[in-house]
Amino acid sequence: MGKRTFTAVIHEEGQGQYSAICPEVGTKSQGHSEEDALGNLRDATEMYLNVFPYKKQGKPVFKTFEAEVKEAEEEEG
């Protein structure tokens, strides 16, 4: 067994909720803070990799891009 470094993408969902995703493995989790979501994601990723061993891949390349989007309308009242 060894240690690997993975990426976490964390989004604030509102009302004290954060979601976290590990794009290399595909695991997801959530928590009441960024740290909580990250810890839960670490736990979920370790549990997943105990069942489905990690196949070493090349270093991921992350890029950003812009896309035209329609903004959701806020609900009234």
PDB file of N, CA and C in Angstrom:
ATOM      1  N   MET A   1       0.845  -1.180   0.000  1.00  0.00           N
ATOM      2  CA  MET A   1       0.000   0.000   0.000  1.00  0.00           C
ATOM      3  C   MET A   1       0.887   1.238   0.000  1.00  0.00           C
ATOM      4  N   GLY A   2       0.456   2.246  -0.689  1.00  0.00           N
ATOM      5  CA  GLY A   2       1.203   3.485  -0.730  1.00  0.00           C
ATOM      6  C   GLY A   2       0.255   4.668  -0.748  1.00  0.00           C
ATOM      7  N   LYS A   3       0.838   5.838  -0.732  1.00  0.00           N
ATOM      8  CA  LYS A   3       0.017   7.043  -0.788  1.00  0.00           C
ATOM      9  C   LYS A   3       0.093   7.649  -2.171  1.00  0.00           C
ATOM     10  N   ARG A   4      -1.010   8.212  -2.605  1.00  0.00           N
ATOM     11  CA  ARG A   4      -1.103   8.938  -3.870  1.00  0.00           C
ATOM     12  C   ARG A   4      -1.758  10.281  -3.581  1.00  0.00           C
ATOM     13  N   THR A   5      -1.469  11.245  -4.408  1.00  0.00           N
ATOM     14  CA  THR A   5      -2.094  12.560  -4.294  1.00  0.00           C
ATOM     15  C   THR A   5      -3.198  12.653  -5.336  1.00  0.00           C
ATOM     16  N   PHE A   6      -4.390  13.040  -4.889  1.00  0.00           N
ATOM     17  CA  PHE A   6      -5.530  13.186  -5.770  1.00  0.00           C
ATOM     18  C   PHE A   6      -6.032  14.630  -5.715  1.00  0.00           C
ATOM     19  N   THR A   7      -6.901  14.973  -6.644  1.00  0.00           N
ATOM     20  CA  THR A   7      -7.474  16.309  -6.726  1.00  0.00           C
ATOM     21  C   THR A   7      -8.875  16.306  -6.138  1.00  0.00           C
ATOM     22  N   ALA A   8      -9.218  17.381  -5.444  1.00  0.00           N
ATOM     23  CA  ALA A   8     -10.582  17.569  -4.949  1.00  0.00           C
ATOM     24  C   ALA A   8     -11.117  18.861  -5.538  1.00  0.00           C
ATOM     25  N   VAL A   9     -12.297  18.784  -6.124  1.00  0.00           N
ATOM     26  CA  VAL A   9     -13.009  19.966  -6.603  1.00  0.00           C
ATOM     27  C   VAL A   9     -14.164  20.182  -5.629  1.00  0.00           C
ATOM     28  N   ILE A  10     -14.146  21.319  -4.956  1.00  0.00           N
ATOM     29  CA  ILE A  10     -15.131  21.583  -3.909  1.00  0.00           C
ATOM     30  C   ILE A  10     -16.011  22.757  -4.314  1.00  0.00           C
ATOM     31  N   HIS A  11     -17.315  22.576  -4.179  1.00  0.00           N
ATOM     32  CA  HIS A  11     -18.294  23.619  -4.508  1.00  0.00           C
ATOM     33  C   HIS A  11     -19.125  23.925  -3.268  1.00  0.00           C
ATOM     34  N   GLU A  12     -19.358  25.207  -3.027  1.00  0.00           N
ATOM     35  CA  GLU A  12     -20.278  25.597  -1.968  1.00  0.00           C
ATOM     36  C   GLU A  12     -21.687  25.487  -2.526  1.00  0.00           C
ATOM     37  N   GLU A  13     -22.514  24.701  -1.872  1.00  0.00           N
ATOM     38  CA  GLU A  13     -23.870  24.460  -2.348  1.00  0.00           C
ATOM     39  C   GLU A  13     -24.876  25.387  -1.681  1.00  0.00           C
ATOM     40  N   GLY A  14     -24.455  26.127  -0.670  1.00  0.00           N
ATOM     41  CA  GLY A  14     -25.362  27.006   0.052  1.00  0.00           C
ATOM     42  C   GLY A  14     -25.861  26.362   1.324  1.00  0.00           C
ATOM     43  N   GLN A  15     -26.365  27.161   2.217  1.00  0.00           N
ATOM     44  CA  GLN A  15     -26.923  26.717   3.489  1.00  0.00           C
ATOM     45  C   GLN A  15     -25.946  25.825   4.256  1.00  0.00           C
ATOM     46  N   GLY A  16     -24.656  26.188   4.223  1.00  0.00           N
ATOM     47  CA  GLY A  16     -23.660  25.440   4.981  1.00  0.00           C
ATOM     48  C   GLY A  16     -23.339  24.073   4.440  1.00  0.00           C
ATOM     49  N   GLN A  17     -23.557  23.844   3.160  1.00  0.00           N
ATOM     50  CA  GLN A  17     -23.258  22.547   2.544  1.00  0.00           C
ATOM     51  C   GLN A  17     -22.199  22.723   1.462  1.00  0.00           C
ATOM     52  N   TYR A  18     -21.266  21.794   1.416  1.00  0.00           N
ATOM     53  CA  TYR A  18     -20.230  21.768   0.396  1.00  0.00           C
ATOM     54  C   TYR A  18     -20.211  20.385  -0.235  1.00  0.00           C
ATOM     55  N   SER A  19     -19.996  20.335  -1.539  1.00  0.00           N
ATOM     56  CA  SER A  19     -19.843  19.055  -2.216  1.00  0.00           C
ATOM     57  C   SER A  19     -18.411  18.954  -2.717  1.00  0.00           C
ATOM     58  N   ALA A  20     -17.893  17.740  -2.761  1.00  0.00           N
ATOM     59  CA  ALA A  20     -16.520  17.510  -3.184  1.00  0.00           C
ATOM     60  C   ALA A  20     -16.485  16.327  -4.150  1.00  0.00           C
ATOM     61  N   ILE A  21     -15.664  16.461  -5.181  1.00  0.00           N
ATOM     62  CA  ILE A  21     -15.530  15.419  -6.205  1.00  0.00           C
ATOM     63  C   ILE A  21     -14.047  15.174  -6.445  1.00  0.00           C
ATOM     64  N   CYS A  22     -13.675  13.907  -6.592  1.00  0.00           N
ATOM     65  CA  CYS A  22     -12.322  13.536  -6.989  1.00  0.00           C
ATOM     66  C   CYS A  22     -12.384  13.103  -8.455  1.00  0.00           C
ATOM     67  N   PRO A  23     -11.950  13.950  -9.391  1.00  0.00           N
ATOM     68  CA  PRO A  23     -12.103  13.618 -10.808  1.00  0.00           C
ATOM     69  C   PRO A  23     -11.279  12.421 -11.269  1.00  0.00           C
ATOM     70  N   GLU A  24     -10.151  12.152 -10.632  1.00  0.00           N
ATOM     71  CA  GLU A  24      -9.330  11.009 -11.061  1.00  0.00           C
ATOM     72  C   GLU A  24     -10.013   9.679 -10.783  1.00  0.00           C
ATOM     73  N   VAL A  25     -10.753   9.598  -9.680  1.00  0.00           N
ATOM     74  CA  VAL A  25     -11.370   8.337  -9.263  1.00  0.00           C
ATOM     75  C   VAL A  25     -12.872   8.336  -9.528  1.00  0.00           C
ATOM     76  N   GLY A  26     -13.502   9.512  -9.431  1.00  0.00           N
ATOM     77  CA  GLY A  26     -14.945   9.608  -9.634  1.00  0.00           C
ATOM     78  C   GLY A  26     -15.736   9.566  -8.346  1.00  0.00           C
ATOM     79  N   THR A  27     -15.052   9.612  -7.203  1.00  0.00           N
ATOM     80  CA  THR A  27     -15.760   9.594  -5.931  1.00  0.00           C
ATOM     81  C   THR A  27     -16.309  10.983  -5.614  1.00  0.00           C
ATOM     82  N   LYS A  28     -17.383  10.996  -4.828  1.00  0.00           N
ATOM     83  CA  LYS A  28     -18.053  12.242  -4.450  1.00  0.00           C
ATOM     84  C   LYS A  28     -18.421  12.171  -2.982  1.00  0.00           C
ATOM     85  N   SER A  29     -18.503  13.346  -2.350  1.00  0.00           N
ATOM     86  CA  SER A  29     -18.947  13.409  -0.970  1.00  0.00           C
ATOM     87  C   SER A  29     -19.438  14.818  -0.676  1.00  0.00           C
ATOM     88  N   GLN A  30     -19.774  15.065   0.590  1.00  0.00           N
ATOM     89  CA  GLN A  30     -20.248  16.388   0.989  1.00  0.00           C
ATOM     90  C   GLN A  30     -19.932  16.612   2.457  1.00  0.00           C
ATOM     91  N   GLY A  31     -20.121  17.836   2.916  1.00  0.00           N
ATOM     92  CA  GLY A  31     -19.890  18.161   4.315  1.00  0.00           C
ATOM     93  C   GLY A  31     -20.388  19.552   4.630  1.00  0.00           C
ATOM     94  N   HIS A  32     -20.284  19.935   5.911  1.00  0.00           N
ATOM     95  CA  HIS A  32     -20.770  21.235   6.366  1.00  0.00           C
ATOM     96  C   HIS A  32     -19.706  22.320   6.283  1.00  0.00           C
ATOM     97  N   SER A  33     -18.486  21.961   5.853  1.00  0.00           N
ATOM     98  CA  SER A  33     -17.408  22.922   5.621  1.00  0.00           C
ATOM     99  C   SER A  33     -16.520  22.339   4.524  1.00  0.00           C
ATOM    100  N   GLU A  34     -15.616  23.168   3.987  1.00  0.00           N
ATOM    101  CA  GLU A  34     -14.697  22.650   2.977  1.00  0.00           C
ATOM    102  C   GLU A  34     -13.853  21.516   3.556  1.00  0.00           C
ATOM    103  N   GLU A  35     -13.367  21.696   4.781  1.00  0.00           N
ATOM    104  CA  GLU A  35     -12.531  20.683   5.417  1.00  0.00           C
ATOM    105  C   GLU A  35     -13.310  19.389   5.657  1.00  0.00           C
ATOM    106  N   ASP A  36     -14.562  19.519   6.083  1.00  0.00           N
ATOM    107  CA  ASP A  36     -15.424  18.368   6.320  1.00  0.00           C
ATOM    108  C   ASP A  36     -15.680  17.618   5.010  1.00  0.00           C
ATOM    109  N   ALA A  37     -15.988  18.355   3.947  1.00  0.00           N
ATOM    110  CA  ALA A  37     -16.228  17.728   2.640  1.00  0.00           C
ATOM    111  C   ALA A  37     -14.966  17.033   2.137  1.00  0.00           C
ATOM    112  N   LEU A  38     -13.803  17.658   2.333  1.00  0.00           N
ATOM    113  CA  LEU A  38     -12.544  17.069   1.898  1.00  0.00           C
ATOM    114  C   LEU A  38     -12.235  15.795   2.684  1.00  0.00           C
ATOM    115  N   GLY A  39     -12.434  15.824   3.999  1.00  0.00           N
ATOM    116  CA  GLY A  39     -12.215  14.623   4.816  1.00  0.00           C
ATOM    117  C   GLY A  39     -13.141  13.492   4.423  1.00  0.00           C
ATOM    118  N   ASN A  40     -14.416  13.821   4.175  1.00  0.00           N
ATOM    119  CA  ASN A  40     -15.379  12.800   3.749  1.00  0.00           C
ATOM    120  C   ASN A  40     -15.015  12.246   2.378  1.00  0.00           C
ATOM    121  N   LEU A  41     -14.510  13.110   1.495  1.00  0.00           N
ATOM    122  CA  LEU A  41     -14.082  12.656   0.168  1.00  0.00           C
ATOM    123  C   LEU A  41     -12.870  11.732   0.291  1.00  0.00           C
ATOM    124  N   ARG A  42     -11.939  12.064   1.167  1.00  0.00           N
ATOM    125  CA  ARG A  42     -10.779  11.195   1.400  1.00  0.00           C
ATOM    126  C   ARG A  42     -11.244   9.815   1.869  1.00  0.00           C
ATOM    127  N   ASP A  43     -12.157   9.787   2.847  1.00  0.00           N
ATOM    128  CA  ASP A  43     -12.680   8.520   3.355  1.00  0.00           C
ATOM    129  C   ASP A  43     -13.371   7.728   2.250  1.00  0.00           C
ATOM    130  N   ALA A  44     -14.216   8.393   1.462  1.00  0.00           N
ATOM    131  CA  ALA A  44     -14.942   7.722   0.380  1.00  0.00           C
ATOM    132  C   ALA A  44     -13.967   7.173  -0.667  1.00  0.00           C
ATOM    133  N   THR A  45     -12.931   7.942  -0.978  1.00  0.00           N
ATOM    134  CA  THR A  45     -11.959   7.519  -1.976  1.00  0.00           C
ATOM    135  C   THR A  45     -11.166   6.320  -1.477  1.00  0.00           C
ATOM    136  N   GLU A  46     -10.744   6.346  -0.206  1.00  0.00           N
ATOM    137  CA  GLU A  46     -10.011   5.210   0.349  1.00  0.00           C
ATOM    138  C   GLU A  46     -10.866   3.949   0.375  1.00  0.00           C
ATOM    139  N   MET A  47     -12.138   4.077   0.749  1.00  0.00           N
ATOM    140  CA  MET A  47     -13.032   2.911   0.752  1.00  0.00           C
ATOM    141  C   MET A  47     -13.208   2.360  -0.660  1.00  0.00           C
ATOM    142  N   TYR A  48     -13.416   3.251  -1.623  1.00  0.00           N
ATOM    143  CA  TYR A  48     -13.581   2.840  -3.017  1.00  0.00           C
ATOM    144  C   TYR A  48     -12.332   2.113  -3.513  1.00  0.00           C
ATOM    145  N   LEU A  49     -11.153   2.675  -3.221  1.00  0.00           N
ATOM    146  CA  LEU A  49      -9.911   2.091  -3.727  1.00  0.00           C
ATOM    147  C   LEU A  49      -9.535   0.804  -3.007  1.00  0.00           C
ATOM    148  N   ASN A  50     -10.122   0.526  -1.837  1.00  0.00           N
ATOM    149  CA  ASN A  50      -9.922  -0.771  -1.189  1.00  0.00           C
ATOM    150  C   ASN A  50     -10.658  -1.871  -1.939  1.00  0.00           C
ATOM    151  N   VAL A  51     -11.718  -1.511  -2.645  1.00  0.00           N
ATOM    152  CA  VAL A  51     -12.493  -2.487  -3.425  1.00  0.00           C
ATOM    153  C   VAL A  51     -12.015  -2.525  -4.875  1.00  0.00           C
ATOM    154  N   PHE A  52     -11.751  -1.344  -5.435  1.00  0.00           N
ATOM    155  CA  PHE A  52     -11.315  -1.224  -6.829  1.00  0.00           C
ATOM    156  C   PHE A  52      -9.931  -0.569  -6.848  1.00  0.00           C
ATOM    157  N   PRO A  53      -8.865  -1.365  -6.859  1.00  0.00           N
ATOM    158  CA  PRO A  53      -7.509  -0.805  -6.797  1.00  0.00           C
ATOM    159  C   PRO A  53      -7.249   0.225  -7.896  1.00  0.00           C
ATOM    160  N   TYR A  54      -6.448   1.218  -7.529  1.00  0.00           N
ATOM    161  CA  TYR A  54      -6.129   2.320  -8.431  1.00  0.00           C
ATOM    162  C   TYR A  54      -5.166   1.861  -9.515  1.00  0.00           C
ATOM    163  N   LYS A  55      -5.515   2.132 -10.755  1.00  0.00           N
ATOM    164  CA  LYS A  55      -4.642   1.841 -11.882  1.00  0.00           C
ATOM    165  C   LYS A  55      -3.859   3.113 -12.173  1.00  0.00           C
ATOM    166  N   LYS A  56      -2.550   3.044 -11.992  1.00  0.00           N
ATOM    167  CA  LYS A  56      -1.712   4.220 -12.184  1.00  0.00           C
ATOM    168  C   LYS A  56      -1.890   4.772 -13.591  1.00  0.00           C
ATOM    169  N   GLN A  57      -2.091   6.071 -13.653  1.00  0.00           N
ATOM    170  CA  GLN A  57      -2.288   6.770 -14.915  1.00  0.00           C
ATOM    171  C   GLN A  57      -1.281   7.913 -14.988  1.00  0.00           C
ATOM    172  N   GLY A  58      -1.198   8.520 -16.129  1.00  0.00           N
ATOM    173  CA  GLY A  58      -0.355   9.699 -16.251  1.00  0.00           C
ATOM    174  C   GLY A  58      -0.920  10.832 -15.416  1.00  0.00           C
ATOM    175  N   LYS A  59      -0.101  11.836 -15.181  1.00  0.00           N
ATOM    176  CA  LYS A  59      -0.532  12.991 -14.387  1.00  0.00           C
ATOM    177  C   LYS A  59      -1.669  13.702 -15.105  1.00  0.00           C
ATOM    178  N   PRO A  60      -2.778  13.986 -14.413  1.00  0.00           N
ATOM    179  CA  PRO A  60      -3.908  14.643 -15.080  1.00  0.00           C
ATOM    180  C   PRO A  60      -3.581  16.086 -15.462  1.00  0.00           C
ATOM    181  N   VAL A  61      -4.187  16.531 -16.518  1.00  0.00           N
ATOM    182  CA  VAL A  61      -4.051  17.916 -16.961  1.00  0.00           C
ATOM    183  C   VAL A  61      -5.412  18.572 -16.806  1.00  0.00           C
ATOM    184  N   PHE A  62      -5.466  19.652 -16.053  1.00  0.00           N
ATOM    185  CA  PHE A  62      -6.719  20.349 -15.832  1.00  0.00           C
ATOM    186  C   PHE A  62      -6.707  21.659 -16.598  1.00  0.00           C
ATOM    187  N   LYS A  63      -7.741  21.898 -17.345  1.00  0.00           N
ATOM    188  CA  LYS A  63      -7.908  23.117 -18.130  1.00  0.00           C
ATOM    189  C   LYS A  63      -9.245  23.742 -17.756  1.00  0.00           C
ATOM    190  N   THR A  64      -9.353  25.030 -17.933  1.00  0.00           N
ATOM    191  CA  THR A  64     -10.636  25.698 -17.774  1.00  0.00           C
ATOM    192  C   THR A  64     -11.099  26.173 -19.144  1.00  0.00           C
ATOM    193  N   PHE A  65     -12.392  26.352 -19.281  1.00  0.00           N
ATOM    194  CA  PHE A  65     -12.951  26.848 -20.537  1.00  0.00           C
ATOM    195  C   PHE A  65     -14.200  27.648 -20.238  1.00  0.00           C
ATOM    196  N   GLU A  66     -14.569  28.494 -21.175  1.00  0.00           N
ATOM    197  CA  GLU A  66     -15.785  29.283 -21.040  1.00  0.00           C
ATOM    198  C   GLU A  66     -16.865  28.716 -21.948  1.00  0.00           C
ATOM    199  N   ALA A  67     -18.099  28.792 -21.501  1.00  0.00           N
ATOM    200  CA  ALA A  67     -19.238  28.344 -22.290  1.00  0.00           C
ATOM    201  C   ALA A  67     -20.399  29.299 -22.041  1.00  0.00           C
ATOM    202  N   GLU A  68     -21.209  29.513 -23.044  1.00  0.00           N
ATOM    203  CA  GLU A  68     -22.403  30.337 -22.890  1.00  0.00           C
ATOM    204  C   GLU A  68     -23.427  29.561 -22.061  1.00  0.00           C
ATOM    205  N   VAL A  69     -23.960  30.207 -21.036  1.00  0.00           N
ATOM    206  CA  VAL A  69     -24.940  29.540 -20.175  1.00  0.00           C
ATOM    207  C   VAL A  69     -26.121  30.459 -19.921  1.00  0.00           C
ATOM    208  N   LYS A  70     -27.259  29.861 -19.697  1.00  0.00           N
ATOM    209  CA  LYS A  70     -28.443  30.612 -19.300  1.00  0.00           C
ATOM    210  C   LYS A  70     -28.519  30.547 -17.785  1.00  0.00           C
ATOM    211  N   GLU A  71     -28.557  31.706 -17.138  1.00  0.00           N
ATOM    212  CA  GLU A  71     -28.620  31.764 -15.694  1.00  0.00           C
ATOM    213  C   GLU A  71     -30.026  31.381 -15.213  1.00  0.00           C
ATOM    214  N   ALA A  72     -30.088  30.623 -14.137  1.00  0.00           N
ATOM    215  CA  ALA A  72     -31.379  30.233 -13.557  1.00  0.00           C
ATOM    216  C   ALA A  72     -32.036  31.472 -12.963  1.00  0.00           C
ATOM    217  N   GLU A  73     -33.342  31.559 -13.133  1.00  0.00           N
ATOM    218  CA  GLU A  73     -34.088  32.684 -12.569  1.00  0.00           C
ATOM    219  C   GLU A  73     -34.343  32.415 -11.097  1.00  0.00           C
ATOM    220  N   GLU A  74     -34.205  33.459 -10.278  1.00  0.00           N
ATOM    221  CA  GLU A  74     -34.473  33.316  -8.856  1.00  0.00           C
ATOM    222  C   GLU A  74     -35.970  33.251  -8.615  1.00  0.00           C
ATOM    223  N   GLU A  75     -36.344  32.406  -7.647  1.00  0.00           N
ATOM    224  CA  GLU A  75     -37.766  32.281  -7.295  1.00  0.00           C
ATOM    225  C   GLU A  75     -38.208  33.487  -6.494  1.00  0.00           C
ATOM    226  N   GLU A  76     -39.415  33.929  -6.745  1.00  0.00           N
ATOM    227  CA  GLU A  76     -39.978  35.060  -6.001  1.00  0.00           C
ATOM    228  C   GLU A  76     -40.774  34.555  -4.802  1.00  0.00           C
ATOM    229  N   GLY A  77     -40.676  35.350  -3.721  1.00  0.00           N
ATOM    230  CA  GLY A  77     -41.479  35.273  -2.577  1.00  0.00           C
ATOM    231  C   GLY A  77     -41.730  34.142  -1.787  1.00  0.00           C
TER     232      GLY A  77
END
